[in-house]
Amino acid sequence: GGGTAVAEQPQVLPVEGGKKHEKQVEEHGELAEGGYVIPAHAKEGGVVGQLMVAVEGVSSLYKGVGPNILKEGPSSALYLGIYESVKVALLSNYPRLDPLLVYLLAGGVGELIGSVFRSPNEAIKTRVQVGGVTAGDAAKTVLFSEEGRSTTFRAWKATLWRDIPMGAVQIAIFEGIKTYIIESPNINFDVTTLQGEALIGAFAGIVGAFITTAPDIVITRINVASNTGSANVTATDVAHEIYQEEGIMGFSTGIVERCLYWGPAIGIFLSCYCSIRQAFLPH
């Protein structure tokens, strides 16, 4: 699980980095690093990402790759390990339960545990990407300062509204579609191939990302706020501010970028995981 998460990061991190900067541009009208100012409307059409490359080079798109691997590796290993354990336990002890419900419950429990490890590393990654600091300095602030720990804890509570639904929905859709196709003799599609699983996983990732965009925006702004002198902001405060300033559409900012990130990411993640599982656990 951890290895598959590491494998996906170099492919999708540039999209994630651009998305984080676009959210900062929308709020503050500039990037925190590089000495250049970008009007808020410039986020349209990927201008932020283009300017990042022009001013700081292609490597700017990969800021935070280390913290991101630490964020996704251990938490993803926990997510899949706990998911498989809970799924087997539920199917064995409660055989009458609907399999789709089992996938949802097992995925939700897996993400609940995984989020404990993911949240502090997400805070570190956000500081590196938009705060203009090194991973070491960001880690010191997040883990060893009272302000950093407090902000991370508030962000973690908010992440539960994002990570649990996404973890539950993406795996349930993935397993549900695979089962349906396997049990449908009229559908000529091999779901056991790497490409087939990647395609189904990408669809599952897009659906999960789509329905959890709103809490993702709130979480990102909580983490970014610690870099702008608003360390005590809560999820309720952020959500209220978004609604007051932008209306309901404010909760959909970056939805396309989020889907573009998580679609390929979950496709790579789940297809690699299934391939590794089949190789080592053929039965």
C-alpha atoms as a PDB file:
ATOM      1  CA  GLY A   1       0.000   0.000   0.000  1.00  0.00           C
ATOM      2  CA  GLY A   2       2.770   2.420   0.890  1.00  0.00           C
ATOM      3  CA  GLY A   3       4.755   1.513  -2.235  1.00  0.00           C
ATOM      4  CA  THR A   4       1.809   2.123  -4.542  1.00  0.00           C
ATOM      5  CA  ALA A   5       1.218   5.513  -2.959  1.00  0.00           C
ATOM      6  CA  VAL A   6       4.871   6.453  -3.474  1.00  0.00           C
ATOM      7  CA  ALA A   7       4.673   5.371  -7.129  1.00  0.00           C
ATOM      8  CA  GLU A   8       1.815   7.755  -7.899  1.00  0.00           C
ATOM      9  CA  GLN A   9       3.333  10.923  -6.427  1.00  0.00           C
ATOM     10  CA  PRO A  10       5.789  12.032  -9.171  1.00  0.00           C
ATOM     11  CA  GLN A  11       2.999  11.681 -11.747  1.00  0.00           C
ATOM     12  CA  VAL A  12       0.413  13.840 -10.022  1.00  0.00           C
ATOM     13  CA  LEU A  13       2.274  16.227  -7.683  1.00  0.00           C
ATOM     14  CA  PRO A  14       2.627  19.033 -10.304  1.00  0.00           C
ATOM     15  CA  VAL A  15      -1.168  19.252 -10.516  1.00  0.00           C
ATOM     16  CA  GLU A  16      -1.449  19.314  -6.722  1.00  0.00           C
ATOM     17  CA  GLY A  17       1.208  22.010  -6.383  1.00  0.00           C
ATOM     18  CA  GLY A  18      -0.496  24.223  -8.935  1.00  0.00           C
ATOM     19  CA  LYS A  19      -3.841  23.700  -7.233  1.00  0.00           C
ATOM     20  CA  LYS A  20      -2.499  24.792  -3.844  1.00  0.00           C
ATOM     21  CA  HIS A  21      -0.982  27.947  -5.370  1.00  0.00           C
ATOM     22  CA  GLU A  22      -4.193  28.754  -7.204  1.00  0.00           C
ATOM     23  CA  LYS A  23      -6.093  28.711  -3.918  1.00  0.00           C
ATOM     24  CA  GLN A  24      -3.526  31.034  -2.368  1.00  0.00           C
ATOM     25  CA  VAL A  25      -3.719  33.392  -5.350  1.00  0.00           C
ATOM     26  CA  GLU A  26      -7.476  33.508  -5.032  1.00  0.00           C
ATOM     27  CA  GLU A  27      -7.222  34.541  -1.377  1.00  0.00           C
ATOM     28  CA  HIS A  28      -4.190  36.841  -1.374  1.00  0.00           C
ATOM     29  CA  GLY A  29      -3.570  37.861  -5.007  1.00  0.00           C
ATOM     30  CA  GLU A  30       0.067  36.698  -4.995  1.00  0.00           C
ATOM     31  CA  LEU A  31       2.363  33.778  -4.438  1.00  0.00           C
ATOM     32  CA  ALA A  32       4.314  33.604  -1.230  1.00  0.00           C
ATOM     33  CA  GLU A  33       7.635  33.040  -2.946  1.00  0.00           C
ATOM     34  CA  GLY A  34       9.511  34.385  -5.935  1.00  0.00           C
ATOM     35  CA  GLY A  35       8.739  38.105  -5.651  1.00  0.00           C
ATOM     36  CA  TYR A  36       6.046  38.222  -8.309  1.00  0.00           C
ATOM     37  CA  VAL A  37       2.412  39.246  -7.993  1.00  0.00           C
ATOM     38  CA  ILE A  38      -0.463  37.535  -9.785  1.00  0.00           C
ATOM     39  CA  PRO A  39      -3.965  39.002 -10.062  1.00  0.00           C
ATOM     40  CA  ALA A  40      -6.649  36.720  -8.668  1.00  0.00           C
ATOM     41  CA  HIS A  41      -8.188  36.170 -12.117  1.00  0.00           C
ATOM     42  CA  ALA A  42      -4.892  34.792 -13.417  1.00  0.00           C
ATOM     43  CA  LYS A  43      -5.634  31.434 -11.883  1.00  0.00           C
ATOM     44  CA  GLU A  44      -7.879  30.697 -14.854  1.00  0.00           C
ATOM     45  CA  GLY A  45      -6.463  28.476 -17.588  1.00  0.00           C
ATOM     46  CA  GLY A  46      -3.457  27.227 -15.605  1.00  0.00           C
ATOM     47  CA  VAL A  47      -1.649  30.593 -15.688  1.00  0.00           C
ATOM     48  CA  VAL A  48      -0.390  30.083 -12.147  1.00  0.00           C
ATOM     49  CA  GLY A  49       1.349  26.839 -13.068  1.00  0.00           C
ATOM     50  CA  GLN A  50       2.842  28.384 -16.199  1.00  0.00           C
ATOM     51  CA  LEU A  51       4.205  31.350 -14.253  1.00  0.00           C
ATOM     52  CA  MET A  52       5.653  29.080 -11.579  1.00  0.00           C
ATOM     53  CA  VAL A  53       7.625  27.244 -14.277  1.00  0.00           C
ATOM     54  CA  ALA A  54       8.693  30.476 -16.009  1.00  0.00           C
ATOM     55  CA  VAL A  55       9.985  32.122 -12.830  1.00  0.00           C
ATOM     56  CA  GLU A  56      11.221  29.218 -10.701  1.00  0.00           C
ATOM     57  CA  GLY A  57      11.657  26.397 -13.207  1.00  0.00           C
ATOM     58  CA  VAL A  58       9.994  23.013 -13.591  1.00  0.00           C
ATOM     59  CA  SER A  59      11.296  21.952 -10.180  1.00  0.00           C
ATOM     60  CA  SER A  60       8.850  24.411  -8.573  1.00  0.00           C
ATOM     61  CA  LEU A  61       6.028  22.044  -9.521  1.00  0.00           C
ATOM     62  CA  TYR A  62       7.629  19.339  -7.378  1.00  0.00           C
ATOM     63  CA  LYS A  63       7.989  21.327  -4.167  1.00  0.00           C
ATOM     64  CA  GLY A  64       6.868  19.202  -1.264  1.00  0.00           C
ATOM     65  CA  VAL A  65       7.435  15.852  -2.993  1.00  0.00           C
ATOM     66  CA  GLY A  66       9.272  14.519   0.083  1.00  0.00           C
ATOM     67  CA  PRO A  67       6.574  15.483   2.596  1.00  0.00           C
ATOM     68  CA  ASN A  68       3.936  14.283   0.140  1.00  0.00           C
ATOM     69  CA  ILE A  69       5.516  10.822  -0.024  1.00  0.00           C
ATOM     70  CA  LEU A  70       5.673  10.739   3.777  1.00  0.00           C
ATOM     71  CA  LYS A  71       2.066  11.907   3.828  1.00  0.00           C
ATOM     72  CA  GLU A  72       0.729   9.262   1.453  1.00  0.00           C
ATOM     73  CA  GLY A  73       3.039   6.273   2.009  1.00  0.00           C
ATOM     74  CA  PRO A  74       2.378   5.217   5.630  1.00  0.00           C
ATOM     75  CA  SER A  75      -1.232   6.451   5.669  1.00  0.00           C
ATOM     76  CA  SER A  76      -2.062   4.607   2.440  1.00  0.00           C
ATOM     77  CA  ALA A  77      -0.470   1.407   3.746  1.00  0.00           C
ATOM     78  CA  LEU A  78      -2.632   1.693   6.856  1.00  0.00           C
ATOM     79  CA  TYR A  79      -5.702   2.508   4.795  1.00  0.00           C
ATOM     80  CA  LEU A  80      -5.430  -0.567   2.589  1.00  0.00           C
ATOM     81  CA  GLY A  81      -4.266  -2.892   5.362  1.00  0.00           C
ATOM     82  CA  ILE A  82      -7.110  -1.930   7.669  1.00  0.00           C
ATOM     83  CA  TYR A  83      -9.571  -1.948   4.770  1.00  0.00           C
ATOM     84  CA  GLU A  84      -8.705  -5.533   3.878  1.00  0.00           C
ATOM     85  CA  SER A  85      -8.831  -6.649   7.530  1.00  0.00           C
ATOM     86  CA  VAL A  86     -12.192  -5.008   8.242  1.00  0.00           C
ATOM     87  CA  LYS A  87     -13.644  -6.230   4.922  1.00  0.00           C
ATOM     88  CA  VAL A  88     -12.672  -9.843   5.623  1.00  0.00           C
ATOM     89  CA  ALA A  89     -13.970  -9.638   9.203  1.00  0.00           C
ATOM     90  CA  LEU A  90     -17.333  -8.185   8.150  1.00  0.00           C
ATOM     91  CA  LEU A  91     -17.859 -10.610   5.270  1.00  0.00           C
ATOM     92  CA  SER A  92     -16.913 -13.565   7.482  1.00  0.00           C
ATOM     93  CA  ASN A  93     -18.975 -12.619  10.542  1.00  0.00           C
ATOM     94  CA  TYR A  94     -21.909 -10.923   8.806  1.00  0.00           C
ATOM     95  CA  PRO A  95     -22.378 -12.760   5.504  1.00  0.00           C
ATOM     96  CA  ARG A  96     -25.815 -11.202   4.940  1.00  0.00           C
ATOM     97  CA  LEU A  97     -24.445  -7.673   4.801  1.00  0.00           C
ATOM     98  CA  ASP A  98     -24.578  -6.037   1.385  1.00  0.00           C
ATOM     99  CA  PRO A  99     -21.021  -6.166  -0.051  1.00  0.00           C
ATOM    100  CA  LEU A 100     -21.250  -2.501  -1.100  1.00  0.00           C
ATOM    101  CA  LEU A 101     -21.979  -1.527   2.508  1.00  0.00           C
ATOM    102  CA  VAL A 102     -19.028  -3.634   3.638  1.00  0.00           C
ATOM    103  CA  TYR A 103     -16.719  -1.819   1.190  1.00  0.00           C
ATOM    104  CA  LEU A 104     -17.988   1.560   2.409  1.00  0.00           C
ATOM    105  CA  LEU A 105     -17.562   0.714   6.091  1.00  0.00           C
ATOM    106  CA  ALA A 106     -14.138  -0.881   5.646  1.00  0.00           C
ATOM    107  CA  GLY A 107     -12.892   2.006   3.510  1.00  0.00           C
ATOM    108  CA  GLY A 108     -14.156   4.560   6.008  1.00  0.00           C
ATOM    109  CA  VAL A 109     -12.441   2.844   8.944  1.00  0.00           C
ATOM    110  CA  GLY A 110      -9.217   2.566   6.976  1.00  0.00           C
ATOM    111  CA  GLU A 111      -9.213   6.267   6.171  1.00  0.00           C
ATOM    112  CA  LEU A 112     -10.044   7.215   9.753  1.00  0.00           C
ATOM    113  CA  ILE A 113      -6.866   5.544  10.978  1.00  0.00           C
ATOM    114  CA  GLY A 114      -4.774   6.654   8.020  1.00  0.00           C
ATOM    115  CA  SER A 115      -5.783  10.304   8.472  1.00  0.00           C
ATOM    116  CA  VAL A 116      -4.038  10.431  11.854  1.00  0.00           C
ATOM    117  CA  PHE A 117      -0.708  10.044  10.045  1.00  0.00           C
ATOM    118  CA  ARG A 118      -1.686  11.970   6.927  1.00  0.00           C
ATOM    119  CA  SER A 119      -2.806  15.225   8.549  1.00  0.00           C
ATOM    120  CA  PRO A 120       0.526  16.473  10.007  1.00  0.00           C
ATOM    121  CA  ASN A 121       2.369  15.623   6.791  1.00  0.00           C
ATOM    122  CA  GLU A 122      -0.285  17.436   4.784  1.00  0.00           C
ATOM    123  CA  ALA A 123       0.302  20.526   6.922  1.00  0.00           C
ATOM    124  CA  ILE A 124       4.060  20.244   6.280  1.00  0.00           C
ATOM    125  CA  LYS A 125       3.535  19.811   2.541  1.00  0.00           C
ATOM    126  CA  THR A 126       1.230  22.835   2.349  1.00  0.00           C
ATOM    127  CA  ARG A 127       3.776  25.036   4.143  1.00  0.00           C
ATOM    128  CA  VAL A 128       6.516  23.903   1.740  1.00  0.00           C
ATOM    129  CA  GLN A 129       4.379  24.471  -1.361  1.00  0.00           C
ATOM    130  CA  VAL A 130       2.912  27.870  -0.506  1.00  0.00           C
ATOM    131  CA  GLY A 131       4.900  29.121   2.468  1.00  0.00           C
ATOM    132  CA  GLY A 132       8.374  29.364   0.954  1.00  0.00           C
ATOM    133  CA  VAL A 133      10.036  27.262   3.686  1.00  0.00           C
ATOM    134  CA  THR A 134      12.060  24.060   3.711  1.00  0.00           C
ATOM    135  CA  ALA A 135      10.547  20.728   4.695  1.00  0.00           C
ATOM    136  CA  GLY A 136      12.676  20.704   7.871  1.00  0.00           C
ATOM    137  CA  ASP A 137      11.518  24.139   8.996  1.00  0.00           C
ATOM    138  CA  ALA A 138       7.918  23.270   8.180  1.00  0.00           C
ATOM    139  CA  ALA A 139       8.169  20.047  10.204  1.00  0.00           C
ATOM    140  CA  LYS A 140       9.583  21.926  13.218  1.00  0.00           C
ATOM    141  CA  THR A 141       6.696  24.391  13.118  1.00  0.00           C
ATOM    142  CA  VAL A 142       3.978  21.774  12.610  1.00  0.00           C
ATOM    143  CA  LEU A 143       5.243  19.181  15.099  1.00  0.00           C
ATOM    144  CA  PHE A 144       7.100  21.141  17.770  1.00  0.00           C
ATOM    145  CA  SER A 145       5.333  24.478  18.119  1.00  0.00           C
ATOM    146  CA  GLU A 146       2.100  24.940  20.033  1.00  0.00           C
ATOM    147  CA  GLU A 147       0.637  26.979  17.182  1.00  0.00           C
ATOM    148  CA  GLY A 148       1.562  24.311  14.604  1.00  0.00           C
ATOM    149  CA  ARG A 149       0.123  21.437  16.617  1.00  0.00           C
ATOM    150  CA  SER A 150      -3.055  23.372  17.342  1.00  0.00           C
ATOM    151  CA  THR A 151      -3.548  24.276  13.681  1.00  0.00           C
ATOM    152  CA  THR A 152      -2.824  20.723  12.561  1.00  0.00           C
ATOM    153  CA  PHE A 153      -5.300  19.292  15.070  1.00  0.00           C
ATOM    154  CA  ARG A 154      -8.037  21.635  13.847  1.00  0.00           C
ATOM    155  CA  ALA A 155      -7.221  20.739  10.263  1.00  0.00           C
ATOM    156  CA  TRP A 156      -7.272  17.024  11.134  1.00  0.00           C
ATOM    157  CA  LYS A 157     -10.777  17.276  12.576  1.00  0.00           C
ATOM    158  CA  ALA A 158     -11.855  18.924   9.336  1.00  0.00           C
ATOM    159  CA  THR A 159     -10.085  16.262   7.243  1.00  0.00           C
ATOM    160  CA  LEU A 160     -12.403  13.620   8.657  1.00  0.00           C
ATOM    161  CA  TRP A 161     -15.221  15.202   6.617  1.00  0.00           C
ATOM    162  CA  ARG A 162     -13.069  14.791   3.499  1.00  0.00           C
ATOM    163  CA  ASP A 163     -10.959  11.668   3.970  1.00  0.00           C
ATOM    164  CA  ILE A 164     -13.556   9.273   5.400  1.00  0.00           C
ATOM    165  CA  PRO A 165     -16.159   9.853   2.632  1.00  0.00           C
ATOM    166  CA  MET A 166     -13.494   9.783  -0.074  1.00  0.00           C
ATOM    167  CA  GLY A 167     -11.794   6.672   1.269  1.00  0.00           C
ATOM    168  CA  ALA A 168     -15.128   4.904   1.592  1.00  0.00           C
ATOM    169  CA  VAL A 169     -16.599   5.979  -1.750  1.00  0.00           C
ATOM    170  CA  GLN A 170     -13.549   5.418  -3.945  1.00  0.00           C
ATOM    171  CA  ILE A 171     -12.911   1.854  -2.781  1.00  0.00           C
ATOM    172  CA  ALA A 172     -16.629   0.962  -2.803  1.00  0.00           C
ATOM    173  CA  ILE A 173     -17.017   2.197  -6.387  1.00  0.00           C
ATOM    174  CA  PHE A 174     -13.833   0.401  -7.431  1.00  0.00           C
ATOM    175  CA  GLU A 175     -14.799  -2.926  -5.849  1.00  0.00           C
ATOM    176  CA  GLY A 176     -18.457  -2.577  -6.834  1.00  0.00           C
ATOM    177  CA  ILE A 177     -17.756  -1.936 -10.531  1.00  0.00           C
ATOM    178  CA  LYS A 178     -15.216  -4.775 -10.691  1.00  0.00           C
ATOM    179  CA  THR A 179     -17.688  -7.196  -9.082  1.00  0.00           C
ATOM    180  CA  TYR A 180     -20.525  -6.093 -11.350  1.00  0.00           C
ATOM    181  CA  ILE A 181     -18.454  -6.536 -14.507  1.00  0.00           C
ATOM    182  CA  ILE A 182     -17.129  -9.932 -13.412  1.00  0.00           C
ATOM    183  CA  GLU A 183     -20.683 -11.125 -12.710  1.00  0.00           C
ATOM    184  CA  SER A 184     -22.036  -9.768 -16.017  1.00  0.00           C
ATOM    185  CA  PRO A 185     -21.264 -12.275 -18.816  1.00  0.00           C
ATOM    186  CA  ASN A 186     -22.460  -9.854 -21.490  1.00  0.00           C
ATOM    187  CA  ILE A 187     -19.778  -7.280 -20.615  1.00  0.00           C
ATOM    188  CA  ASN A 188     -16.571  -8.036 -22.470  1.00  0.00           C
ATOM    189  CA  PHE A 189     -14.057  -6.170 -20.317  1.00  0.00           C
ATOM    190  CA  ASP A 190     -11.152  -7.715 -18.424  1.00  0.00           C
ATOM    191  CA  VAL A 191     -11.070  -5.991 -15.036  1.00  0.00           C
ATOM    192  CA  THR A 192      -8.044  -7.964 -13.862  1.00  0.00           C
ATOM    193  CA  THR A 193      -5.564  -6.200 -16.156  1.00  0.00           C
ATOM    194  CA  LEU A 194      -3.467  -3.275 -14.980  1.00  0.00           C
ATOM    195  CA  GLN A 195      -5.126  -0.994 -17.534  1.00  0.00           C
ATOM    196  CA  GLY A 196      -8.641  -2.102 -16.618  1.00  0.00           C
ATOM    197  CA  GLU A 197      -8.101  -1.577 -12.912  1.00  0.00           C
ATOM    198  CA  ALA A 198      -6.440   1.777 -13.568  1.00  0.00           C
ATOM    199  CA  LEU A 199      -9.447   2.948 -15.585  1.00  0.00           C
ATOM    200  CA  ILE A 200     -11.954   1.879 -12.937  1.00  0.00           C
ATOM    201  CA  GLY A 201      -9.764   3.330 -10.195  1.00  0.00           C
ATOM    202  CA  ALA A 202      -9.497   6.654 -12.021  1.00  0.00           C
ATOM    203  CA  PHE A 203     -13.286   6.875 -12.285  1.00  0.00           C
ATOM    204  CA  ALA A 204     -13.626   6.051  -8.584  1.00  0.00           C
ATOM    205  CA  GLY A 205     -11.020   8.695  -7.726  1.00  0.00           C
ATOM    206  CA  ILE A 206     -12.803  11.367  -9.769  1.00  0.00           C
ATOM    207  CA  VAL A 207     -16.133  10.654  -8.060  1.00  0.00           C
ATOM    208  CA  GLY A 208     -14.523  10.690  -4.621  1.00  0.00           C
ATOM    209  CA  ALA A 209     -12.643  13.915  -5.358  1.00  0.00           C
ATOM    210  CA  PHE A 210     -15.745  15.590  -6.749  1.00  0.00           C
ATOM    211  CA  ILE A 211     -17.897  14.988  -3.679  1.00  0.00           C
ATOM    212  CA  THR A 212     -15.153  16.007  -1.226  1.00  0.00           C
ATOM    213  CA  THR A 213     -13.950  19.233  -2.847  1.00  0.00           C
ATOM    214  CA  ALA A 214     -15.693  21.476  -0.317  1.00  0.00           C
ATOM    215  CA  PRO A 215     -14.001  20.048   2.803  1.00  0.00           C
ATOM    216  CA  ASP A 216     -10.677  19.986   0.917  1.00  0.00           C
ATOM    217  CA  ILE A 217     -10.950  23.749   0.337  1.00  0.00           C
ATOM    218  CA  VAL A 218     -11.652  24.335   4.027  1.00  0.00           C
ATOM    219  CA  ILE A 219      -8.702  22.159   5.107  1.00  0.00           C
ATOM    220  CA  THR A 220      -6.289  23.854   2.711  1.00  0.00           C
ATOM    221  CA  ARG A 221      -7.292  27.306   3.917  1.00  0.00           C
ATOM    222  CA  ILE A 222      -6.837  26.291   7.553  1.00  0.00           C
ATOM    223  CA  ASN A 223      -3.288  25.132   6.779  1.00  0.00           C
ATOM    224  CA  VAL A 224      -2.523  28.220   4.668  1.00  0.00           C
ATOM    225  CA  ALA A 225      -3.947  30.518   7.343  1.00  0.00           C
ATOM    226  CA  SER A 226      -1.140  29.569   9.715  1.00  0.00           C
ATOM    227  CA  ASN A 227       1.249  31.261   7.245  1.00  0.00           C
ATOM    228  CA  THR A 228      -0.766  34.493   7.129  1.00  0.00           C
ATOM    229  CA  GLY A 229      -1.238  35.347  10.808  1.00  0.00           C
ATOM    230  CA  SER A 230      -4.579  33.599  11.336  1.00  0.00           C
ATOM    231  CA  ALA A 231      -3.467  30.569  13.301  1.00  0.00           C
ATOM    232  CA  ASN A 232      -6.639  30.227  15.404  1.00  0.00           C
ATOM    233  CA  VAL A 233      -9.072  29.906  12.508  1.00  0.00           C
ATOM    234  CA  THR A 234     -11.527  26.998  12.711  1.00  0.00           C
ATOM    235  CA  ALA A 235     -13.267  24.985  10.011  1.00  0.00           C
ATOM    236  CA  THR A 236     -16.545  26.722  10.841  1.00  0.00           C
ATOM    237  CA  ASP A 237     -14.894  30.142  10.534  1.00  0.00           C
ATOM    238  CA  VAL A 238     -13.395  29.258   7.167  1.00  0.00           C
ATOM    239  CA  ALA A 239     -16.617  27.789   5.794  1.00  0.00           C
ATOM    240  CA  HIS A 240     -18.583  30.842   6.915  1.00  0.00           C
ATOM    241  CA  GLU A 241     -16.040  33.197   5.346  1.00  0.00           C
ATOM    242  CA  ILE A 242     -16.116  31.308   2.044  1.00  0.00           C
ATOM    243  CA  TYR A 243     -19.908  31.413   1.915  1.00  0.00           C
ATOM    244  CA  GLN A 244     -20.073  35.101   2.857  1.00  0.00           C
ATOM    245  CA  GLU A 245     -17.497  36.158   0.255  1.00  0.00           C
ATOM    246  CA  GLU A 246     -18.145  33.757  -2.626  1.00  0.00           C
ATOM    247  CA  GLY A 247     -21.468  32.055  -2.017  1.00  0.00           C
ATOM    248  CA  ILE A 248     -22.054  28.362  -2.502  1.00  0.00           C
ATOM    249  CA  MET A 249     -19.824  28.297  -5.601  1.00  0.00           C
ATOM    250  CA  GLY A 250     -16.844  29.155  -3.406  1.00  0.00           C
ATOM    251  CA  PHE A 251     -16.847  25.563  -2.222  1.00  0.00           C
ATOM    252  CA  SER A 252     -16.158  24.321  -5.754  1.00  0.00           C
ATOM    253  CA  THR A 253     -12.933  26.272  -6.321  1.00  0.00           C
ATOM    254  CA  GLY A 254     -10.298  24.010  -7.841  1.00  0.00           C
ATOM    255  CA  ILE A 255     -12.729  21.138  -8.416  1.00  0.00           C
ATOM    256  CA  VAL A 256     -11.371  20.426 -11.902  1.00  0.00           C
ATOM    257  CA  GLU A 257      -7.764  20.392 -10.682  1.00  0.00           C
ATOM    258  CA  ARG A 258      -8.718  18.177  -7.745  1.00  0.00           C
ATOM    259  CA  CYS A 259     -10.401  15.664 -10.048  1.00  0.00           C
ATOM    260  CA  LEU A 260      -7.442  15.785 -12.453  1.00  0.00           C
ATOM    261  CA  TYR A 261      -5.148  15.042  -9.519  1.00  0.00           C
ATOM    262  CA  TRP A 262      -7.092  12.276  -7.811  1.00  0.00           C
ATOM    263  CA  GLY A 263      -8.401  10.520 -10.917  1.00  0.00           C
ATOM    264  CA  PRO A 264      -4.952   9.429 -12.166  1.00  0.00           C
ATOM    265  CA  ALA A 265      -3.642   9.113  -8.593  1.00  0.00           C
ATOM    266  CA  ILE A 266      -6.290   6.625  -7.490  1.00  0.00           C
ATOM    267  CA  GLY A 267      -6.081   4.830 -10.820  1.00  0.00           C
ATOM    268  CA  ILE A 268      -2.339   4.290 -10.369  1.00  0.00           C
ATOM    269  CA  PHE A 269      -2.719   3.578  -6.657  1.00  0.00           C
ATOM    270  CA  LEU A 270      -5.421   0.897  -6.870  1.00  0.00           C
ATOM    271  CA  SER A 271      -4.148  -0.789 -10.042  1.00  0.00           C
ATOM    272  CA  CYS A 272      -0.624  -1.096  -8.618  1.00  0.00           C
ATOM    273  CA  TYR A 273      -2.018  -2.351  -5.326  1.00  0.00           C
ATOM    274  CA  CYS A 274      -4.147  -5.020  -7.013  1.00  0.00           C
ATOM    275  CA  SER A 275      -1.200  -6.125  -9.160  1.00  0.00           C
ATOM    276  CA  ILE A 276       1.071  -6.442  -6.124  1.00  0.00           C
ATOM    277  CA  ARG A 277      -1.661  -8.237  -4.168  1.00  0.00           C
ATOM    278  CA  GLN A 278      -2.199 -10.720  -7.014  1.00  0.00           C
ATOM    279  CA  ALA A 279       1.536 -11.334  -7.304  1.00  0.00           C
ATOM    280  CA  PHE A 280       2.105 -12.025  -3.603  1.00  0.00           C
ATOM    281  CA  LEU A 281      -1.327 -13.365  -2.658  1.00  0.00           C
ATOM    282  CA  PRO A 282      -2.401 -15.320  -5.729  1.00  0.00           C
ATOM    283  CA  HIS A 283      -5.135 -17.100  -3.832  1.00  0.00           C
END
